[in-house]
């Protein structure tokens, strides 16, 4: 559980879900904007996952 709380991917996912929920219910807020933010968060999480896997393949441990 401790490693989950220190994970950059976890906190980005929490941010993505929270902003999606909040902005979804804001009247008049364009859905394209919060969906674009979601796509950006997904891309950052994927980049971090690729970085972590490259570090593991090289024999080093990824940082939390």
PDB file of N, CA and C in Angstrom:
ATOM      1  N   UNK A   1       0.829  -1.190   0.000  1.00  0.00           N
ATOM      2  CA  UNK A   1       0.000   0.000   0.000  1.00  0.00           C
ATOM      3  C   UNK A   1       0.874   1.254   0.000  1.00  0.00           C
ATOM      4  N   UNK A   2       1.987   1.197   0.692  1.00  0.00           N
ATOM      5  CA  UNK A   2       2.883   2.349   0.754  1.00  0.00           C
ATOM      6  C   UNK A   2       3.425   2.711  -0.628  1.00  0.00           C
ATOM      7  N   UNK A   3       3.781   1.701  -1.413  1.00  0.00           N
ATOM      8  CA  UNK A   3       4.316   1.983  -2.745  1.00  0.00           C
ATOM      9  C   UNK A   3       3.241   2.593  -3.648  1.00  0.00           C
ATOM     10  N   UNK A   4       2.000   2.221  -3.433  1.00  0.00           N
ATOM     11  CA  UNK A   4       0.911   2.798  -4.222  1.00  0.00           C
ATOM     12  C   UNK A   4       0.763   4.286  -3.936  1.00  0.00           C
ATOM     13  N   UNK A   5       0.890   4.666  -2.671  1.00  0.00           N
ATOM     14  CA  UNK A   5       0.746   6.069  -2.296  1.00  0.00           C
ATOM     15  C   UNK A   5       1.907   6.934  -2.783  1.00  0.00           C
ATOM     16  N   UNK A   6       3.019   6.307  -3.139  1.00  0.00           N
ATOM     17  CA  UNK A   6       4.181   7.039  -3.647  1.00  0.00           C
ATOM     18  C   UNK A   6       4.286   6.943  -5.172  1.00  0.00           C
ATOM     19  N   UNK A   7       3.314   6.330  -5.819  1.00  0.00           N
ATOM     20  CA  UNK A   7       3.364   6.113  -7.257  1.00  0.00           C
ATOM     21  C   UNK A   7       2.867   7.344  -8.025  1.00  0.00           C
ATOM     22  N   UNK A   8       3.690   7.818  -8.948  1.00  0.00           N
ATOM     23  CA  UNK A   8       3.285   8.957  -9.794  1.00  0.00           C
ATOM     24  C   UNK A   8       2.098   8.571 -10.667  1.00  0.00           C
ATOM     25  N   UNK A   9       2.089   7.347 -11.155  1.00  0.00           N
ATOM     26  CA  UNK A   9       0.986   6.900 -12.019  1.00  0.00           C
ATOM     27  C   UNK A   9      -0.332   6.879 -11.252  1.00  0.00           C
ATOM     28  N   UNK A  10      -0.300   6.427 -10.003  1.00  0.00           N
ATOM     29  CA  UNK A  10      -1.511   6.381  -9.182  1.00  0.00           C
ATOM     30  C   UNK A  10      -2.078   7.775  -8.984  1.00  0.00           C
ATOM     31  N   UNK A  11      -1.234   8.735  -8.600  1.00  0.00           N
ATOM     32  CA  UNK A  11      -1.734  10.077  -8.322  1.00  0.00           C
ATOM     33  C   UNK A  11      -2.200  10.784  -9.588  1.00  0.00           C
ATOM     34  N   UNK A  12      -1.583  10.506 -10.715  1.00  0.00           N
ATOM     35  CA  UNK A  12      -2.076  11.061 -11.978  1.00  0.00           C
ATOM     36  C   UNK A  12      -3.447  10.478 -12.321  1.00  0.00           C
ATOM     37  N   UNK A  13      -3.628   9.198 -12.061  1.00  0.00           N
ATOM     38  CA  UNK A  13      -4.928   8.574 -12.314  1.00  0.00           C
ATOM     39  C   UNK A  13      -5.998   9.151 -11.389  1.00  0.00           C
ATOM     40  N   UNK A  14      -5.648   9.376 -10.122  1.00  0.00           N
ATOM     41  CA  UNK A  14      -6.600   9.995  -9.180  1.00  0.00           C
ATOM     42  C   UNK A  14      -6.959  11.391  -9.662  1.00  0.00           C
ATOM     43  N   UNK A  15      -5.962  12.160 -10.095  1.00  0.00           N
ATOM     44  CA  UNK A  15      -6.222  13.494 -10.626  1.00  0.00           C
ATOM     45  C   UNK A  15      -7.146  13.431 -11.841  1.00  0.00           C
ATOM     46  N   UNK A  16      -6.885  12.498 -12.759  1.00  0.00           N
ATOM     47  CA  UNK A  16      -7.696  12.371 -13.960  1.00  0.00           C
ATOM     48  C   UNK A  16      -9.152  12.061 -13.654  1.00  0.00           C
ATOM     49  N   UNK A  17      -9.371  11.140 -12.728  1.00  0.00           N
ATOM     50  CA  UNK A  17     -10.741  10.785 -12.351  1.00  0.00           C
ATOM     51  C   UNK A  17     -11.426  11.951 -11.656  1.00  0.00           C
ATOM     52  N   UNK A  18     -10.722  12.607 -10.738  1.00  0.00           N
ATOM     53  CA  UNK A  18     -11.319  13.730  -9.998  1.00  0.00           C
ATOM     54  C   UNK A  18     -11.682  14.872 -10.931  1.00  0.00           C
ATOM     55  N   UNK A  19     -10.781  15.252 -11.824  1.00  0.00           N
ATOM     56  CA  UNK A  19     -11.088  16.361 -12.725  1.00  0.00           C
ATOM     57  C   UNK A  19     -12.187  15.984 -13.700  1.00  0.00           C
ATOM     58  N   UNK A  20     -12.257  14.728 -14.107  1.00  0.00           N
ATOM     59  CA  UNK A  20     -13.340  14.302 -14.997  1.00  0.00           C
ATOM     60  C   UNK A  20     -14.691  14.428 -14.310  1.00  0.00           C
ATOM     61  N   UNK A  21     -14.752  13.976 -13.065  1.00  0.00           N
ATOM     62  CA  UNK A  21     -16.012  14.053 -12.319  1.00  0.00           C
ATOM     63  C   UNK A  21     -16.426  15.497 -12.077  1.00  0.00           C
ATOM     64  N   UNK A  22     -15.491  16.314 -11.649  1.00  0.00           N
ATOM     65  CA  UNK A  22     -15.819  17.708 -11.339  1.00  0.00           C
ATOM     66  C   UNK A  22     -16.236  18.460 -12.604  1.00  0.00           C
ATOM     67  N   UNK A  23     -15.436  18.368 -13.648  1.00  0.00           N
ATOM     68  CA  UNK A  23     -15.726  19.139 -14.856  1.00  0.00           C
ATOM     69  C   UNK A  23     -16.922  18.600 -15.630  1.00  0.00           C
ATOM     70  N   UNK A  24     -17.244  17.335 -15.444  1.00  0.00           N
ATOM     71  CA  UNK A  24     -18.420  16.767 -16.106  1.00  0.00           C
ATOM     72  C   UNK A  24     -19.706  17.413 -15.599  1.00  0.00           C
ATOM     73  N   UNK A  25     -19.713  17.773 -14.321  1.00  0.00           N
ATOM     74  CA  UNK A  25     -20.922  18.329 -13.727  1.00  0.00           C
ATOM     75  C   UNK A  25     -20.931  19.852 -13.664  1.00  0.00           C
ATOM     76  N   UNK A  26     -19.900  20.512 -14.192  1.00  0.00           N
ATOM     77  CA  UNK A  26     -19.905  21.976 -14.262  1.00  0.00           C
ATOM     78  C   UNK A  26     -20.741  22.370 -15.480  1.00  0.00           C
ATOM     79  N   UNK A  27     -21.836  23.100 -15.239  1.00  0.00           N
ATOM     80  CA  UNK A  27     -22.700  23.456 -16.362  1.00  0.00           C
ATOM     81  C   UNK A  27     -21.985  24.387 -17.351  1.00  0.00           C
ATOM     82  N   UNK A  28     -22.142  24.083 -18.600  1.00  0.00           N
ATOM     83  CA  UNK A  28     -21.582  24.916 -19.656  1.00  0.00           C
ATOM     84  C   UNK A  28     -20.121  24.676 -19.956  1.00  0.00           C
ATOM     85  N   UNK A  29     -19.463  23.796 -19.211  1.00  0.00           N
ATOM     86  CA  UNK A  29     -18.049  23.524 -19.474  1.00  0.00           C
ATOM     87  C   UNK A  29     -17.952  22.565 -20.655  1.00  0.00           C
ATOM     88  N   UNK A  30     -17.187  22.917 -21.677  1.00  0.00           N
ATOM     89  CA  UNK A  30     -17.113  22.062 -22.874  1.00  0.00           C
ATOM     90  C   UNK A  30     -16.514  20.685 -22.564  1.00  0.00           C
ATOM     91  N   UNK A  31     -17.208  19.658 -22.979  1.00  0.00           N
ATOM     92  CA  UNK A  31     -16.731  18.294 -22.695  1.00  0.00           C
ATOM     93  C   UNK A  31     -15.424  17.988 -23.430  1.00  0.00           C
ATOM     94  N   UNK A  32     -15.177  18.666 -24.540  1.00  0.00           N
ATOM     95  CA  UNK A  32     -13.941  18.435 -25.287  1.00  0.00           C
ATOM     96  C   UNK A  32     -12.712  18.799 -24.455  1.00  0.00           C
ATOM     97  N   UNK A  33     -12.856  19.799 -23.599  1.00  0.00           N
ATOM     98  CA  UNK A  33     -11.712  20.244 -22.790  1.00  0.00           C
ATOM     99  C   UNK A  33     -11.351  19.184 -21.753  1.00  0.00           C
ATOM    100  N   UNK A  34     -12.335  18.722 -20.949  1.00  0.00           N
ATOM    101  CA  UNK A  34     -11.985  17.738 -19.923  1.00  0.00           C
ATOM    102  C   UNK A  34     -11.620  16.396 -20.531  1.00  0.00           C
ATOM    103  N   UNK A  35     -12.165  16.077 -21.700  1.00  0.00           N
ATOM    104  CA  UNK A  35     -11.755  14.839 -22.363  1.00  0.00           C
ATOM    105  C   UNK A  35     -10.328  14.956 -22.886  1.00  0.00           C
ATOM    106  N   UNK A  36      -9.944  16.143 -23.317  1.00  0.00           N
ATOM    107  CA  UNK A  36      -8.565  16.360 -23.767  1.00  0.00           C
ATOM    108  C   UNK A  36      -7.589  16.266 -22.593  1.00  0.00           C
ATOM    109  N   UNK A  37      -7.981  16.795 -21.437  1.00  0.00           N
ATOM    110  CA  UNK A  37      -7.145  16.681 -20.243  1.00  0.00           C
ATOM    111  C   UNK A  37      -6.985  15.213 -19.871  1.00  0.00           C
ATOM    112  N   UNK A  38      -8.070  14.435 -19.966  1.00  0.00           N
ATOM    113  CA  UNK A  38      -7.993  13.001 -19.698  1.00  0.00           C
ATOM    114  C   UNK A  38      -7.002  12.312 -20.636  1.00  0.00           C
ATOM    115  N   UNK A  39      -7.058  12.659 -21.906  1.00  0.00           N
ATOM    116  CA  UNK A  39      -6.142  12.056 -22.882  1.00  0.00           C
ATOM    117  C   UNK A  39      -4.700  12.411 -22.554  1.00  0.00           C
ATOM    118  N   UNK A  40      -4.474  13.638 -22.130  1.00  0.00           N
ATOM    119  CA  UNK A  40      -3.133  14.066 -21.758  1.00  0.00           C
ATOM    120  C   UNK A  40      -2.635  13.315 -20.529  1.00  0.00           C
ATOM    121  N   UNK A  41      -3.498  13.130 -19.543  1.00  0.00           N
ATOM    122  CA  UNK A  41      -3.123  12.378 -18.336  1.00  0.00           C
ATOM    123  C   UNK A  41      -2.790  10.933 -18.696  1.00  0.00           C
ATOM    124  N   UNK A  42      -3.575  10.338 -19.577  1.00  0.00           N
ATOM    125  CA  UNK A  42      -3.308   8.963 -20.019  1.00  0.00           C
ATOM    126  C   UNK A  42      -1.960   8.869 -20.721  1.00  0.00           C
ATOM    127  N   UNK A  43      -1.648   9.866 -21.547  1.00  0.00           N
ATOM    128  CA  UNK A  43      -0.364   9.869 -22.249  1.00  0.00           C
ATOM    129  C   UNK A  43       0.803   9.998 -21.273  1.00  0.00           C
ATOM    130  N   UNK A  44       0.652  10.823 -20.250  1.00  0.00           N
ATOM    131  CA  UNK A  44       1.718  10.975 -19.253  1.00  0.00           C
ATOM    132  C   UNK A  44       1.901   9.680 -18.464  1.00  0.00           C
ATOM    133  N   UNK A  45       0.795   9.037 -18.082  1.00  0.00           N
ATOM    134  CA  UNK A  45       0.883   7.759 -17.366  1.00  0.00           C
ATOM    135  C   UNK A  45       1.574   6.713 -18.234  1.00  0.00           C
ATOM    136  N   UNK A  46       1.233   6.665 -19.515  1.00  0.00           N
ATOM    137  CA  UNK A  46       1.870   5.705 -20.424  1.00  0.00           C
ATOM    138  C   UNK A  46       3.368   6.000 -20.554  1.00  0.00           C
ATOM    139  N   UNK A  47       3.737   7.274 -20.622  1.00  0.00           N
ATOM    140  CA  UNK A  47       5.150   7.642 -20.697  1.00  0.00           C
ATOM    141  C   UNK A  47       5.919   7.214 -19.464  1.00  0.00           C
ATOM    142  N   UNK A  48       5.315   7.407 -18.290  1.00  0.00           N
ATOM    143  CA  UNK A  48       5.961   6.987 -17.047  1.00  0.00           C
ATOM    144  C   UNK A  48       6.095   5.467 -17.007  1.00  0.00           C
ATOM    145  N   UNK A  49       5.070   4.764 -17.475  1.00  0.00           N
ATOM    146  CA  UNK A  49       5.135   3.297 -17.495  1.00  0.00           C
ATOM    147  C   UNK A  49       6.243   2.816 -18.431  1.00  0.00           C
ATOM    148  N   UNK A  50       6.386   3.459 -19.581  1.00  0.00           N
ATOM    149  CA  UNK A  50       7.473   3.094 -20.501  1.00  0.00           C
ATOM    150  C   UNK A  50       8.840   3.375 -19.880  1.00  0.00           C
ATOM    151  N   UNK A  51       8.953   4.504 -19.207  1.00  0.00           N
ATOM    152  CA  UNK A  51      10.200   4.845 -18.535  1.00  0.00           C
ATOM    153  C   UNK A  51      10.529   3.813 -17.453  1.00  0.00           C
ATOM    154  N   UNK A  52       9.521   3.434 -16.658  1.00  0.00           N
ATOM    155  CA  UNK A  52       9.737   2.438 -15.604  1.00  0.00           C
ATOM    156  C   UNK A  52      10.151   1.092 -16.181  1.00  0.00           C
ATOM    157  N   UNK A  53       9.515   0.680 -17.276  1.00  0.00           N
ATOM    158  CA  UNK A  53       9.865  -0.619 -17.869  1.00  0.00           C
ATOM    159  C   UNK A  53      11.266  -0.587 -18.475  1.00  0.00           C
ATOM    160  N   UNK A  54      11.668   0.538 -19.060  1.00  0.00           N
ATOM    161  CA  UNK A  54      13.022   0.646 -19.603  1.00  0.00           C
ATOM    162  C   UNK A  54      14.060   0.584 -18.482  1.00  0.00           C
ATOM    163  N   UNK A  55      13.751   1.204 -17.356  1.00  0.00           N
ATOM    164  CA  UNK A  55      14.677   1.142 -16.219  1.00  0.00           C
ATOM    165  C   UNK A  55      14.788  -0.281 -15.676  1.00  0.00           C
ATOM    166  N   UNK A  56      13.675  -0.977 -15.611  1.00  0.00           N
ATOM    167  CA  UNK A  56      13.716  -2.363 -15.118  1.00  0.00           C
ATOM    168  C   UNK A  56      14.513  -3.255 -16.061  1.00  0.00           C
ATOM    169  N   UNK A  57      14.358  -3.051 -17.360  1.00  0.00           N
ATOM    170  CA  UNK A  57      15.097  -3.850 -18.333  1.00  0.00           C
ATOM    171  C   UNK A  57      16.599  -3.565 -18.251  1.00  0.00           C
ATOM    172  N   UNK A  58      16.957  -2.346 -17.876  1.00  0.00           N
ATOM    173  CA  UNK A  58      18.367  -2.001 -17.773  1.00  0.00           C
ATOM    174  C   UNK A  58      18.978  -2.478 -16.461  1.00  0.00           C
ATOM    175  N   UNK A  59      18.150  -2.972 -15.555  1.00  0.00           N
ATOM    176  CA  UNK A  59      18.654  -3.492 -14.293  1.00  0.00           C
ATOM    177  C   UNK A  59      18.538  -2.525 -13.133  1.00  0.00           C
ATOM    178  N   UNK A  60      18.035  -1.319 -13.410  1.00  0.00           N
ATOM    179  CA  UNK A  60      17.848  -0.348 -12.329  1.00  0.00           C
ATOM    180  C   UNK A  60      16.385  -0.336 -11.929  1.00  0.00           C
ATOM    181  N   UNK A  61      16.126   0.115 -10.720  1.00  0.00           N
ATOM    182  CA  UNK A  61      14.752   0.186 -10.231  1.00  0.00           C
ATOM    183  C   UNK A  61      14.189   1.574 -10.490  1.00  0.00           C
ATOM    184  N   UNK A  62      12.937   1.638 -10.962  1.00  0.00           N
ATOM    185  CA  UNK A  62      12.325   2.947 -11.152  1.00  0.00           C
ATOM    186  C   UNK A  62      12.071   3.624  -9.811  1.00  0.00           C
ATOM    187  N   UNK A  63      12.136   4.944  -9.806  1.00  0.00           N
ATOM    188  CA  UNK A  63      11.843   5.700  -8.589  1.00  0.00           C
ATOM    189  C   UNK A  63      10.357   5.820  -8.430  1.00  0.00           C
ATOM    190  N   UNK A  64       9.920   5.946  -7.204  1.00  0.00           N
ATOM    191  CA  UNK A  64       8.473   6.078  -6.917  1.00  0.00           C
ATOM    192  C   UNK A  64       7.967   7.425  -7.338  1.00  0.00           C
TER     193      UNK A  64
END
